[in-house]
Amino acid sequence: MVSWTRVSHADVVRALVEYDRLGPNGFFAAHGFGASRAYEFVWRDRRYPHNAVPGTAYEFATGERLAPADFEGGRSGAVKVLEKLGFSVVPRAAKQEQPQQPTRATAIP
């Protein structure tokens, strides 16, 4: 079981800065995580993956890299850690539906 006692708010902010610097794909490739499925957390009006960022913050704080399977990402795992450190965690926003492009059959002449 992972102990989060050494991870601070500053470690999470450092991971957020890294995420912004690398972008999602670069961050996931560099730190071994993927996009969140159920939750996101909000910092400075932006949404971030609730498991990848704290997992990377753990690496920054301890020098030990975690794999996604090493800790639980839901309400009793990463969500709880982030909330305890003062971050707001919200259900992941559904992708906005893209307007349908008119097809030949539906296009108005």
C-alpha atoms as a PDB file:
ATOM      1  CA  MET A   1       0.000   0.000   0.000  1.00  0.00           C
ATOM      2  CA  VAL A   2       1.253   3.457  -0.915  1.00  0.00           C
ATOM      3  CA  SER A   3       1.806   5.972   1.873  1.00  0.00           C
ATOM      4  CA  TRP A   4       1.074   9.529   0.757  1.00  0.00           C
ATOM      5  CA  THR A   5       2.424  11.219   3.903  1.00  0.00           C
ATOM      6  CA  ARG A   6       5.521  12.582   2.132  1.00  0.00           C
ATOM      7  CA  VAL A   7       3.548  14.127  -0.736  1.00  0.00           C
ATOM      8  CA  SER A   8       2.822  17.825  -0.225  1.00  0.00           C
ATOM      9  CA  HIS A   9       0.691  20.411  -1.962  1.00  0.00           C
ATOM     10  CA  ALA A  10       3.930  21.786  -3.456  1.00  0.00           C
ATOM     11  CA  ASP A  11       4.776  18.353  -4.943  1.00  0.00           C
ATOM     12  CA  VAL A  12       1.385  18.275  -6.673  1.00  0.00           C
ATOM     13  CA  VAL A  13       1.880  21.811  -7.996  1.00  0.00           C
ATOM     14  CA  ARG A  14       5.291  20.787  -9.320  1.00  0.00           C
ATOM     15  CA  ALA A  15       3.630  17.875 -11.155  1.00  0.00           C
ATOM     16  CA  LEU A  16       0.984  20.260 -12.534  1.00  0.00           C
ATOM     17  CA  VAL A  17       3.666  22.567 -13.884  1.00  0.00           C
ATOM     18  CA  GLU A  18       5.327  19.539 -15.499  1.00  0.00           C
ATOM     19  CA  TYR A  19       1.983  18.505 -17.035  1.00  0.00           C
ATOM     20  CA  ASP A  20       1.479  21.983 -18.493  1.00  0.00           C
ATOM     21  CA  ARG A  21       5.054  22.085 -19.791  1.00  0.00           C
ATOM     22  CA  LEU A  22       4.952  18.659 -21.485  1.00  0.00           C
ATOM     23  CA  GLY A  23       1.287  18.557 -22.490  1.00  0.00           C
ATOM     24  CA  PRO A  24      -0.874  15.488 -21.847  1.00  0.00           C
ATOM     25  CA  ASN A  25       0.808  13.056 -24.265  1.00  0.00           C
ATOM     26  CA  GLY A  26       4.342  14.054 -23.260  1.00  0.00           C
ATOM     27  CA  PHE A  27       3.459  13.894 -19.567  1.00  0.00           C
ATOM     28  CA  PHE A  28       1.852  10.457 -19.877  1.00  0.00           C
ATOM     29  CA  ALA A  29       4.830   9.153 -21.870  1.00  0.00           C
ATOM     30  CA  ALA A  30       7.361  10.575 -19.398  1.00  0.00           C
ATOM     31  CA  HIS A  31       5.625   9.376 -16.241  1.00  0.00           C
ATOM     32  CA  GLY A  32       3.791   6.209 -17.272  1.00  0.00           C
ATOM     33  CA  PHE A  33       0.167   7.217 -16.798  1.00  0.00           C
ATOM     34  CA  GLY A  34      -2.859   7.830 -18.983  1.00  0.00           C
ATOM     35  CA  ALA A  35      -5.937  10.001 -18.969  1.00  0.00           C
ATOM     36  CA  SER A  36      -8.439   9.792 -16.125  1.00  0.00           C
ATOM     37  CA  ARG A  37     -11.662   7.907 -16.684  1.00  0.00           C
ATOM     38  CA  ALA A  38     -13.882   9.017 -13.793  1.00  0.00           C
ATOM     39  CA  TYR A  39     -12.506  12.131 -12.060  1.00  0.00           C
ATOM     40  CA  GLU A  40     -10.478  15.246 -12.733  1.00  0.00           C
ATOM     41  CA  PHE A  41      -9.216  17.854 -10.390  1.00  0.00           C
ATOM     42  CA  VAL A  42      -9.319  21.568 -10.880  1.00  0.00           C
ATOM     43  CA  TRP A  43      -6.424  23.963 -10.381  1.00  0.00           C
ATOM     44  CA  ARG A  44      -6.484  27.540 -11.611  1.00  0.00           C
ATOM     45  CA  ASP A  45      -9.636  26.876 -13.645  1.00  0.00           C
ATOM     46  CA  ARG A  46      -8.055  23.979 -15.557  1.00  0.00           C
ATOM     47  CA  ARG A  47      -8.815  20.270 -15.291  1.00  0.00           C
ATOM     48  CA  TYR A  48      -6.125  17.652 -14.771  1.00  0.00           C
ATOM     49  CA  PRO A  49      -6.041  13.836 -14.578  1.00  0.00           C
ATOM     50  CA  HIS A  50      -6.677  12.868 -10.974  1.00  0.00           C
ATOM     51  CA  ASN A  51      -4.338   9.864 -10.959  1.00  0.00           C
ATOM     52  CA  ALA A  52      -1.421  10.833 -13.207  1.00  0.00           C
ATOM     53  CA  VAL A  53      -0.581  14.080 -11.429  1.00  0.00           C
ATOM     54  CA  PRO A  54      -0.566  12.737  -7.849  1.00  0.00           C
ATOM     55  CA  GLY A  55       1.333   9.658  -9.049  1.00  0.00           C
ATOM     56  CA  THR A  56       3.990  11.970 -10.468  1.00  0.00           C
ATOM     57  CA  ALA A  57       3.921  14.123  -7.311  1.00  0.00           C
ATOM     58  CA  TYR A  58       4.670  10.932  -5.366  1.00  0.00           C
ATOM     59  CA  GLU A  59       7.667  10.316  -7.618  1.00  0.00           C
ATOM     60  CA  PHE A  60       8.909  13.886  -7.043  1.00  0.00           C
ATOM     61  CA  ALA A  61       8.470  13.564  -3.255  1.00  0.00           C
ATOM     62  CA  THR A  62       9.986  10.115  -2.773  1.00  0.00           C
ATOM     63  CA  GLY A  63      12.103   9.367  -5.842  1.00  0.00           C
ATOM     64  CA  GLU A  64      10.018   6.214  -6.383  1.00  0.00           C
ATOM     65  CA  ARG A  65       7.966   5.826  -9.551  1.00  0.00           C
ATOM     66  CA  LEU A  66       4.482   4.382  -9.208  1.00  0.00           C
ATOM     67  CA  ALA A  67       2.587   2.489 -11.858  1.00  0.00           C
ATOM     68  CA  PRO A  68      -1.141   3.156 -12.242  1.00  0.00           C
ATOM     69  CA  ALA A  69      -1.885  -0.240 -10.653  1.00  0.00           C
ATOM     70  CA  ASP A  70       0.123   0.682  -7.526  1.00  0.00           C
ATOM     71  CA  PHE A  71      -2.632   2.873  -6.098  1.00  0.00           C
ATOM     72  CA  GLU A  72      -6.368   3.275  -6.311  1.00  0.00           C
ATOM     73  CA  GLY A  73      -7.568   6.272  -8.265  1.00  0.00           C
ATOM     74  CA  GLY A  74     -11.137   6.569  -6.993  1.00  0.00           C
ATOM     75  CA  ARG A  75     -12.729   8.192  -3.946  1.00  0.00           C
ATOM     76  CA  SER A  76     -10.618   6.255  -1.444  1.00  0.00           C
ATOM     77  CA  GLY A  77      -7.339   6.716  -3.344  1.00  0.00           C
ATOM     78  CA  ALA A  78      -6.083   9.612  -5.431  1.00  0.00           C
ATOM     79  CA  VAL A  79      -9.284  11.618  -4.959  1.00  0.00           C
ATOM     80  CA  LYS A  80      -8.912  11.459  -1.179  1.00  0.00           C
ATOM     81  CA  VAL A  81      -5.231  12.434  -1.368  1.00  0.00           C
ATOM     82  CA  LEU A  82      -5.950  15.442  -3.582  1.00  0.00           C
ATOM     83  CA  GLU A  83      -8.834  16.643  -1.432  1.00  0.00           C
ATOM     84  CA  LYS A  84      -6.718  16.319   1.703  1.00  0.00           C
ATOM     85  CA  LEU A  85      -4.078  18.535   0.051  1.00  0.00           C
ATOM     86  CA  GLY A  86      -6.701  21.187  -0.714  1.00  0.00           C
ATOM     87  CA  PHE A  87      -7.581  20.438  -4.336  1.00  0.00           C
ATOM     88  CA  SER A  88     -11.093  20.256  -5.738  1.00  0.00           C
ATOM     89  CA  VAL A  89     -11.949  16.952  -7.431  1.00  0.00           C
ATOM     90  CA  VAL A  90     -14.905  16.701  -9.792  1.00  0.00           C
ATOM     91  CA  PRO A  91     -16.448  13.999 -11.972  1.00  0.00           C
ATOM     92  CA  ARG A  92     -14.784  13.926 -15.361  1.00  0.00           C
ATOM     93  CA  ALA A  93     -16.565  16.125 -17.854  1.00  0.00           C
ATOM     94  CA  ALA A  94     -18.093  14.288 -20.760  1.00  0.00           C
ATOM     95  CA  LYS A  95     -16.658  15.228 -24.116  1.00  0.00           C
ATOM     96  CA  GLN A  96     -18.803  17.844 -25.768  1.00  0.00           C
ATOM     97  CA  GLU A  97     -20.660  16.497 -28.727  1.00  0.00           C
ATOM     98  CA  GLN A  98     -19.272  17.780 -31.968  1.00  0.00           C
ATOM     99  CA  PRO A  99     -21.876  19.284 -34.280  1.00  0.00           C
ATOM    100  CA  GLN A 100     -22.717  16.886 -37.034  1.00  0.00           C
ATOM    101  CA  GLN A 101     -21.378  17.871 -40.406  1.00  0.00           C
ATOM    102  CA  PRO A 102     -24.102  17.846 -43.048  1.00  0.00           C
ATOM    103  CA  THR A 103     -23.879  14.860 -45.317  1.00  0.00           C
ATOM    104  CA  ARG A 104     -24.845  14.858 -48.932  1.00  0.00           C
ATOM    105  CA  ALA A 105     -28.227  13.378 -48.008  1.00  0.00           C
ATOM    106  CA  THR A 106     -28.961  15.979 -45.305  1.00  0.00           C
ATOM    107  CA  ALA A 107     -27.352  19.045 -46.865  1.00  0.00           C
ATOM    108  CA  ILE A 108     -29.730  21.819 -47.788  1.00  0.00           C
ATOM    109  CA  PRO A 109     -29.412  22.806 -51.482  1.00  0.00           C
END
